[in-house]
Amino acid sequence: MNVDLLKDKIRNCGLKCTATRLAVLEYLVTVHRPVSTQEIIQNLKETAINEVTIYRILESFVEKKLITPVDHWNRHRLYEAHMEKSCQVNHAHFSCQQCETVLCIEENTLQISTIPLPPGFQLKQVRLQIEGICPNCIK
């Protein structure tokens, strides 16, 4: 995604577009899968961003609905950003039980958003996590 578009996304949700915020959002958009705070810190260590600042940025992005938290089965919170037009918002995640990698399943073959609800209920978000073993761990 274009850096100028990311800057606009940050500004449009009422936040000042700092280099730090932009670096965090750009990383999340680039990896295009749920990642932990520690992974973000590790991959942005060259930028010398304070760990506390990264935690605060993630909290503010979630509050402004710029990114989505994903609760992992091992109780770690992950974060994802789906900003491309082709991205599915309500999608499943596959979690490897051995290496703990989490991937998005955006094909939406399960038609998650069409789950019938009782009359009067409104769907806001669907969280479906599929667990198994990834091809790298099977080898």
N, C-alpha and C. Protein backbone atom coordinates (compact mmCIF):
# COMPACT_ATOMS: atom_id res chain seq x y z
N MET A 1 0.85 -1.18 0.00
CA MET A 1 0.00 0.00 0.00
C MET A 1 0.90 1.24 0.00
N ASN A 2 0.47 2.24 -0.70
CA ASN A 2 1.18 3.49 -0.84
C ASN A 2 1.36 4.17 0.53
N VAL A 3 2.56 4.70 0.79
CA VAL A 3 2.86 5.35 2.07
C VAL A 3 1.95 6.55 2.29
N ASP A 4 1.65 7.29 1.25
CA ASP A 4 0.76 8.45 1.40
C ASP A 4 -0.64 8.03 1.84
N LEU A 5 -1.11 6.89 1.34
CA LEU A 5 -2.41 6.38 1.76
C LEU A 5 -2.39 5.98 3.24
N LEU A 6 -1.28 5.39 3.68
CA LEU A 6 -1.14 5.03 5.09
C LEU A 6 -1.13 6.27 5.97
N LYS A 7 -0.43 7.29 5.52
CA LYS A 7 -0.42 8.56 6.26
C LYS A 7 -1.83 9.12 6.38
N ASP A 8 -2.57 9.07 5.28
CA ASP A 8 -3.96 9.55 5.30
C ASP A 8 -4.82 8.73 6.26
N LYS A 9 -4.62 7.41 6.28
CA LYS A 9 -5.39 6.55 7.19
C LYS A 9 -5.15 6.96 8.64
N ILE A 10 -3.90 7.23 8.99
CA ILE A 10 -3.56 7.63 10.35
C ILE A 10 -4.20 8.97 10.67
N ARG A 11 -4.08 9.92 9.77
CA ARG A 11 -4.66 11.26 10.00
C ARG A 11 -6.19 11.22 10.05
N ASN A 12 -6.79 10.42 9.17
CA ASN A 12 -8.25 10.36 9.10
C ASN A 12 -8.90 9.77 10.34
N CYS A 13 -8.14 9.05 11.13
CA CYS A 13 -8.72 8.52 12.37
C CYS A 13 -8.42 9.42 13.57
N GLY A 14 -7.88 10.61 13.28
CA GLY A 14 -7.68 11.60 14.34
C GLY A 14 -6.34 11.55 15.04
N LEU A 15 -5.39 10.85 14.48
CA LEU A 15 -4.06 10.77 15.08
C LEU A 15 -3.06 11.58 14.26
N LYS A 16 -2.06 12.09 14.92
CA LYS A 16 -0.97 12.77 14.24
C LYS A 16 -0.12 11.71 13.55
N CYS A 17 0.27 11.95 12.32
CA CYS A 17 1.05 10.97 11.57
C CYS A 17 2.54 11.18 11.87
N THR A 18 3.04 10.43 12.83
CA THR A 18 4.46 10.49 13.18
C THR A 18 5.19 9.39 12.42
N ALA A 19 6.50 9.52 12.35
CA ALA A 19 7.32 8.51 11.68
C ALA A 19 7.17 7.15 12.38
N THR A 20 7.03 7.19 13.70
CA THR A 20 6.89 5.96 14.48
C THR A 20 5.57 5.27 14.17
N ARG A 21 4.49 6.01 14.19
CA ARG A 21 3.18 5.42 13.87
C ARG A 21 3.18 4.86 12.45
N LEU A 22 3.76 5.62 11.54
CA LEU A 22 3.81 5.17 10.15
C LEU A 22 4.61 3.89 10.02
N ALA A 23 5.74 3.78 10.72
CA ALA A 23 6.57 2.57 10.65
C ALA A 23 5.81 1.35 11.15
N VAL A 24 5.07 1.50 12.25
CA VAL A 24 4.31 0.38 12.80
C VAL A 24 3.20 -0.04 11.83
N LEU A 25 2.45 0.93 11.33
CA LEU A 25 1.35 0.60 10.41
C LEU A 25 1.88 0.01 9.11
N GLU A 26 2.96 0.56 8.61
CA GLU A 26 3.54 0.05 7.36
C GLU A 26 4.00 -1.40 7.54
N TYR A 27 4.58 -1.73 8.69
CA TYR A 27 5.00 -3.10 8.94
C TYR A 27 3.78 -4.03 8.96
N LEU A 28 2.73 -3.64 9.67
CA LEU A 28 1.53 -4.49 9.76
C LEU A 28 0.90 -4.72 8.39
N VAL A 29 0.87 -3.69 7.57
CA VAL A 29 0.28 -3.83 6.23
C VAL A 29 1.17 -4.71 5.35
N THR A 30 2.47 -4.55 5.49
CA THR A 30 3.41 -5.30 4.66
C THR A 30 3.40 -6.80 4.95
N VAL A 31 3.39 -7.18 6.25
CA VAL A 31 3.43 -8.61 6.57
C VAL A 31 2.11 -9.30 6.26
N HIS A 32 1.01 -8.56 6.31
CA HIS A 32 -0.32 -9.04 5.92
C HIS A 32 -0.71 -10.35 6.61
N ARG A 33 -0.45 -10.40 7.91
CA ARG A 33 -0.87 -11.52 8.74
C ARG A 33 -0.83 -11.04 10.19
N PRO A 34 -1.49 -11.73 11.09
CA PRO A 34 -1.45 -11.33 12.49
C PRO A 34 -0.05 -11.51 13.08
N VAL A 35 0.45 -10.49 13.77
CA VAL A 35 1.78 -10.55 14.37
C VAL A 35 1.73 -10.10 15.82
N SER A 36 2.68 -10.58 16.61
CA SER A 36 2.76 -10.21 18.02
C SER A 36 3.49 -8.88 18.17
N THR A 37 3.32 -8.29 19.33
CA THR A 37 4.04 -7.06 19.65
C THR A 37 5.54 -7.31 19.60
N GLN A 38 5.97 -8.45 20.12
CA GLN A 38 7.40 -8.78 20.12
C GLN A 38 7.96 -8.89 18.70
N GLU A 39 7.17 -9.44 17.78
CA GLU A 39 7.63 -9.52 16.39
C GLU A 39 7.77 -8.13 15.79
N ILE A 40 6.84 -7.25 16.10
CA ILE A 40 6.92 -5.87 15.61
C ILE A 40 8.16 -5.20 16.17
N ILE A 41 8.37 -5.34 17.48
CA ILE A 41 9.54 -4.73 18.12
C ILE A 41 10.83 -5.26 17.49
N GLN A 42 10.90 -6.56 17.29
CA GLN A 42 12.09 -7.19 16.71
C GLN A 42 12.36 -6.67 15.30
N ASN A 43 11.31 -6.54 14.50
CA ASN A 43 11.49 -6.14 13.11
C ASN A 43 11.67 -4.64 12.93
N LEU A 44 11.34 -3.87 13.95
CA LEU A 44 11.54 -2.41 13.87
C LEU A 44 12.69 -1.94 14.76
N LYS A 45 13.52 -2.88 15.24
CA LYS A 45 14.60 -2.51 16.17
C LYS A 45 15.61 -1.56 15.54
N GLU A 46 15.79 -1.61 14.22
CA GLU A 46 16.70 -0.71 13.53
C GLU A 46 16.25 0.74 13.65
N THR A 47 14.96 0.95 13.81
CA THR A 47 14.43 2.31 13.90
C THR A 47 14.56 2.89 15.30
N ALA A 48 15.01 2.08 16.25
CA ALA A 48 15.22 2.51 17.65
C ALA A 48 13.94 3.04 18.30
N ILE A 49 12.80 2.44 17.96
CA ILE A 49 11.54 2.83 18.57
C ILE A 49 11.45 2.17 19.95
N ASN A 50 11.11 2.95 20.92
CA ASN A 50 10.94 2.48 22.30
C ASN A 50 9.82 1.44 22.34
N GLU A 51 10.02 0.34 23.09
CA GLU A 51 9.00 -0.71 23.19
C GLU A 51 7.69 -0.18 23.74
N VAL A 52 7.75 0.66 24.74
CA VAL A 52 6.54 1.22 25.34
C VAL A 52 5.77 2.02 24.30
N THR A 53 6.48 2.73 23.46
CA THR A 53 5.84 3.51 22.40
C THR A 53 5.10 2.60 21.43
N ILE A 54 5.69 1.47 21.10
CA ILE A 54 5.02 0.52 20.19
C ILE A 54 3.74 0.00 20.83
N TYR A 55 3.78 -0.35 22.11
CA TYR A 55 2.57 -0.79 22.81
C TYR A 55 1.49 0.29 22.76
N ARG A 56 1.87 1.53 23.00
CA ARG A 56 0.90 2.64 22.99
C ARG A 56 0.33 2.87 21.60
N ILE A 57 1.19 2.76 20.59
CA ILE A 57 0.72 2.93 19.21
C ILE A 57 -0.30 1.85 18.88
N LEU A 58 0.00 0.61 19.23
CA LEU A 58 -0.93 -0.49 18.94
C LEU A 58 -2.26 -0.28 19.64
N GLU A 59 -2.21 0.15 20.90
CA GLU A 59 -3.45 0.42 21.64
C GLU A 59 -4.26 1.52 20.97
N SER A 60 -3.59 2.59 20.55
CA SER A 60 -4.32 3.68 19.91
C SER A 60 -4.88 3.27 18.55
N PHE A 61 -4.14 2.45 17.80
CA PHE A 61 -4.62 1.96 16.50
C PHE A 61 -5.85 1.07 16.68
N VAL A 62 -5.85 0.23 17.71
CA VAL A 62 -7.01 -0.62 17.98
C VAL A 62 -8.20 0.24 18.38
N GLU A 63 -7.97 1.21 19.25
CA GLU A 63 -9.04 2.10 19.72
C GLU A 63 -9.68 2.85 18.55
N LYS A 64 -8.85 3.26 17.60
CA LYS A 64 -9.34 4.01 16.43
C LYS A 64 -9.81 3.08 15.30
N LYS A 65 -9.76 1.76 15.55
CA LYS A 65 -10.18 0.74 14.59
C LYS A 65 -9.36 0.75 13.30
N LEU A 66 -8.12 1.15 13.44
CA LEU A 66 -7.20 1.14 12.31
C LEU A 66 -6.61 -0.25 12.10
N ILE A 67 -6.44 -0.99 13.21
CA ILE A 67 -5.98 -2.37 13.16
C ILE A 67 -6.91 -3.22 14.02
N THR A 68 -6.78 -4.53 13.88
CA THR A 68 -7.65 -5.45 14.61
C THR A 68 -6.82 -6.35 15.51
N PRO A 69 -7.22 -6.49 16.78
CA PRO A 69 -6.52 -7.45 17.63
C PRO A 69 -7.03 -8.86 17.33
N VAL A 70 -6.14 -9.82 17.42
CA VAL A 70 -6.48 -11.22 17.22
C VAL A 70 -5.99 -11.96 18.46
N ASP A 71 -6.90 -12.57 19.19
CA ASP A 71 -6.51 -13.32 20.37
C ASP A 71 -6.06 -14.71 19.94
N HIS A 72 -4.86 -15.08 20.31
CA HIS A 72 -4.26 -16.35 19.92
C HIS A 72 -4.52 -17.38 21.00
N TRP A 73 -4.57 -18.64 20.64
CA TRP A 73 -4.87 -19.71 21.59
C TRP A 73 -3.86 -19.80 22.72
N ASN A 74 -2.62 -19.30 22.50
CA ASN A 74 -1.63 -19.36 23.57
C ASN A 74 -1.68 -18.10 24.45
N ARG A 75 -2.79 -17.37 24.33
CA ARG A 75 -3.08 -16.17 25.12
C ARG A 75 -2.27 -14.95 24.74
N HIS A 76 -1.52 -15.01 23.66
CA HIS A 76 -0.82 -13.83 23.16
C HIS A 76 -1.76 -13.05 22.27
N ARG A 77 -1.71 -11.75 22.38
CA ARG A 77 -2.52 -10.92 21.49
C ARG A 77 -1.69 -10.60 20.26
N LEU A 78 -2.31 -10.77 19.12
CA LEU A 78 -1.68 -10.45 17.85
C LEU A 78 -2.44 -9.28 17.23
N TYR A 79 -1.83 -8.66 16.24
CA TYR A 79 -2.45 -7.52 15.58
C TYR A 79 -2.35 -7.69 14.08
N GLU A 80 -3.40 -7.24 13.37
CA GLU A 80 -3.39 -7.30 11.92
C GLU A 80 -4.01 -6.04 11.35
N ALA A 81 -3.56 -5.70 10.15
CA ALA A 81 -4.11 -4.55 9.43
C ALA A 81 -4.53 -5.02 8.05
N HIS A 82 -5.79 -4.87 7.75
CA HIS A 82 -6.30 -5.25 6.43
C HIS A 82 -6.86 -4.00 5.77
N MET A 83 -6.06 -3.39 4.92
CA MET A 83 -6.44 -2.12 4.32
C MET A 83 -6.58 -2.16 2.81
N GLU A 84 -6.13 -3.23 2.21
CA GLU A 84 -6.27 -3.35 0.75
C GLU A 84 -7.73 -3.61 0.42
N LYS A 85 -8.17 -3.16 -0.73
CA LYS A 85 -9.56 -3.36 -1.12
C LYS A 85 -9.92 -4.83 -1.25
N SER A 86 -8.92 -5.66 -1.56
CA SER A 86 -9.18 -7.10 -1.74
C SER A 86 -9.24 -7.87 -0.42
N CYS A 87 -8.91 -7.21 0.70
CA CYS A 87 -8.88 -7.90 2.00
C CYS A 87 -10.28 -8.17 2.52
N GLN A 88 -10.45 -9.35 3.09
CA GLN A 88 -11.70 -9.72 3.75
C GLN A 88 -11.58 -9.35 5.23
N VAL A 89 -12.52 -8.59 5.75
CA VAL A 89 -12.47 -8.20 7.15
C VAL A 89 -12.83 -9.38 8.04
N ASN A 90 -13.93 -10.02 7.79
CA ASN A 90 -14.35 -11.20 8.57
C ASN A 90 -13.79 -12.44 7.89
N HIS A 91 -12.71 -12.94 8.46
CA HIS A 91 -12.07 -14.12 7.88
C HIS A 91 -11.54 -15.01 9.00
N ALA A 92 -11.22 -16.22 8.64
CA ALA A 92 -10.68 -17.18 9.60
C ALA A 92 -9.17 -17.03 9.70
N HIS A 93 -8.61 -17.57 10.79
CA HIS A 93 -7.17 -17.63 10.97
C HIS A 93 -6.77 -19.09 11.18
N PHE A 94 -5.63 -19.46 10.62
CA PHE A 94 -5.07 -20.78 10.85
C PHE A 94 -3.89 -20.63 11.79
N SER A 95 -3.90 -21.37 12.90
CA SER A 95 -2.81 -21.33 13.88
C SER A 95 -2.11 -22.67 13.91
N CYS A 96 -0.78 -22.65 13.70
CA CYS A 96 0.00 -23.87 13.81
C CYS A 96 0.24 -24.14 15.30
N GLN A 97 -0.09 -25.32 15.74
CA GLN A 97 0.05 -25.68 17.15
C GLN A 97 1.50 -25.97 17.54
N GLN A 98 2.39 -26.07 16.56
CA GLN A 98 3.79 -26.33 16.90
C GLN A 98 4.63 -25.06 16.86
N CYS A 99 4.62 -24.33 15.75
CA CYS A 99 5.45 -23.13 15.64
C CYS A 99 4.69 -21.85 16.01
N GLU A 100 3.39 -21.97 16.21
CA GLU A 100 2.51 -20.87 16.62
C GLU A 100 2.35 -19.78 15.56
N THR A 101 2.70 -20.09 14.31
CA THR A 101 2.46 -19.15 13.22
C THR A 101 0.96 -19.02 13.00
N VAL A 102 0.52 -17.80 12.74
CA VAL A 102 -0.89 -17.55 12.46
C VAL A 102 -1.00 -16.92 11.08
N LEU A 103 -1.86 -17.47 10.26
CA LEU A 103 -2.07 -16.97 8.91
C LEU A 103 -3.54 -16.64 8.70
N CYS A 104 -3.79 -15.66 7.86
CA CYS A 104 -5.16 -15.30 7.51
C CYS A 104 -5.66 -16.21 6.40
N ILE A 105 -6.90 -16.62 6.51
CA ILE A 105 -7.56 -17.37 5.44
C ILE A 105 -8.64 -16.43 4.90
N GLU A 106 -8.25 -15.66 3.90
CA GLU A 106 -9.14 -14.61 3.40
C GLU A 106 -10.03 -15.06 2.24
N GLU A 107 -9.83 -16.27 1.79
CA GLU A 107 -10.64 -16.72 0.67
C GLU A 107 -12.12 -16.75 1.03
N ASN A 108 -12.40 -16.81 2.33
CA ASN A 108 -13.77 -16.78 2.84
C ASN A 108 -14.63 -17.88 2.23
N THR A 109 -14.02 -19.04 2.05
CA THR A 109 -14.77 -20.15 1.48
C THR A 109 -15.88 -20.62 2.40
N LEU A 110 -15.79 -20.27 3.68
CA LEU A 110 -16.82 -20.67 4.63
C LEU A 110 -18.01 -19.71 4.65
N GLN A 111 -17.89 -18.61 3.93
CA GLN A 111 -18.95 -17.60 3.91
C GLN A 111 -19.32 -17.18 5.34
N ILE A 112 -18.31 -16.80 6.09
CA ILE A 112 -18.48 -16.45 7.49
C ILE A 112 -19.49 -15.34 7.69
N SER A 113 -19.48 -14.35 6.81
CA SER A 113 -20.35 -13.20 6.99
C SER A 113 -21.83 -13.49 6.72
N THR A 114 -22.13 -14.68 6.24
CA THR A 114 -23.53 -15.01 5.97
C THR A 114 -24.12 -15.97 7.00
N ILE A 115 -23.49 -16.08 8.15
CA ILE A 115 -24.00 -16.93 9.22
C ILE A 115 -25.36 -16.39 9.66
N PRO A 116 -26.39 -17.22 9.66
CA PRO A 116 -27.71 -16.72 10.05
C PRO A 116 -27.76 -16.40 11.55
N LEU A 117 -28.29 -15.25 11.87
CA LEU A 117 -28.44 -14.81 13.25
C LEU A 117 -29.92 -14.78 13.62
N PRO A 118 -30.23 -14.86 14.90
CA PRO A 118 -31.62 -14.73 15.33
C PRO A 118 -32.17 -13.36 14.92
N PRO A 119 -33.47 -13.25 14.75
CA PRO A 119 -34.08 -11.97 14.35
C PRO A 119 -33.69 -10.85 15.32
N GLY A 120 -33.34 -9.71 14.75
CA GLY A 120 -33.00 -8.54 15.55
C GLY A 120 -31.53 -8.42 15.90
N PHE A 121 -30.73 -9.48 15.66
CA PHE A 121 -29.31 -9.43 15.97
C PHE A 121 -28.55 -8.87 14.77
N GLN A 122 -27.46 -8.16 15.05
CA GLN A 122 -26.65 -7.57 13.99
C GLN A 122 -25.21 -8.06 14.11
N LEU A 123 -24.64 -8.56 13.02
CA LEU A 123 -23.27 -9.06 12.98
C LEU A 123 -22.31 -7.89 12.96
N LYS A 124 -21.35 -7.87 13.88
CA LYS A 124 -20.32 -6.84 13.91
C LYS A 124 -18.97 -7.41 13.53
N GLN A 125 -18.65 -8.58 14.07
CA GLN A 125 -17.35 -9.18 13.79
C GLN A 125 -17.43 -10.68 14.01
N VAL A 126 -16.68 -11.40 13.19
CA VAL A 126 -16.60 -12.85 13.34
C VAL A 126 -15.14 -13.20 13.59
N ARG A 127 -14.90 -14.06 14.57
CA ARG A 127 -13.54 -14.52 14.86
C ARG A 127 -13.56 -16.04 14.83
N LEU A 128 -12.90 -16.60 13.82
CA LEU A 128 -12.84 -18.04 13.68
C LEU A 128 -11.37 -18.44 13.60
N GLN A 129 -10.96 -19.33 14.48
CA GLN A 129 -9.58 -19.78 14.49
C GLN A 129 -9.53 -21.28 14.25
N ILE A 130 -8.79 -21.66 13.23
CA ILE A 130 -8.62 -23.06 12.88
C ILE A 130 -7.21 -23.46 13.32
N GLU A 131 -7.11 -24.57 14.03
CA GLU A 131 -5.82 -25.01 14.55
C GLU A 131 -5.37 -26.28 13.87
N GLY A 132 -4.08 -26.41 13.70
CA GLY A 132 -3.51 -27.60 13.09
C GLY A 132 -2.00 -27.48 13.03
N ILE A 133 -1.40 -28.10 12.02
CA ILE A 133 0.04 -28.07 11.85
C ILE A 133 0.36 -27.58 10.44
N CYS A 134 1.26 -26.61 10.35
CA CYS A 134 1.61 -26.01 9.05
C CYS A 134 2.54 -26.94 8.28
N PRO A 135 2.70 -26.73 6.98
CA PRO A 135 3.56 -27.59 6.16
C PRO A 135 5.02 -27.62 6.62
N ASN A 136 5.54 -26.51 7.15
CA ASN A 136 6.93 -26.49 7.61
C ASN A 136 7.12 -27.42 8.82
N CYS A 137 6.15 -27.46 9.71
CA CYS A 137 6.26 -28.30 10.91
C CYS A 137 5.97 -29.78 10.61
N ILE A 138 5.23 -30.06 9.56
CA ILE A 138 4.93 -31.44 9.19
C ILE A 138 6.19 -32.14 8.69
N LYS A 139 7.09 -31.40 8.05
CA LYS A 139 8.32 -31.99 7.46
C LYS A 139 9.19 -32.63 8.50
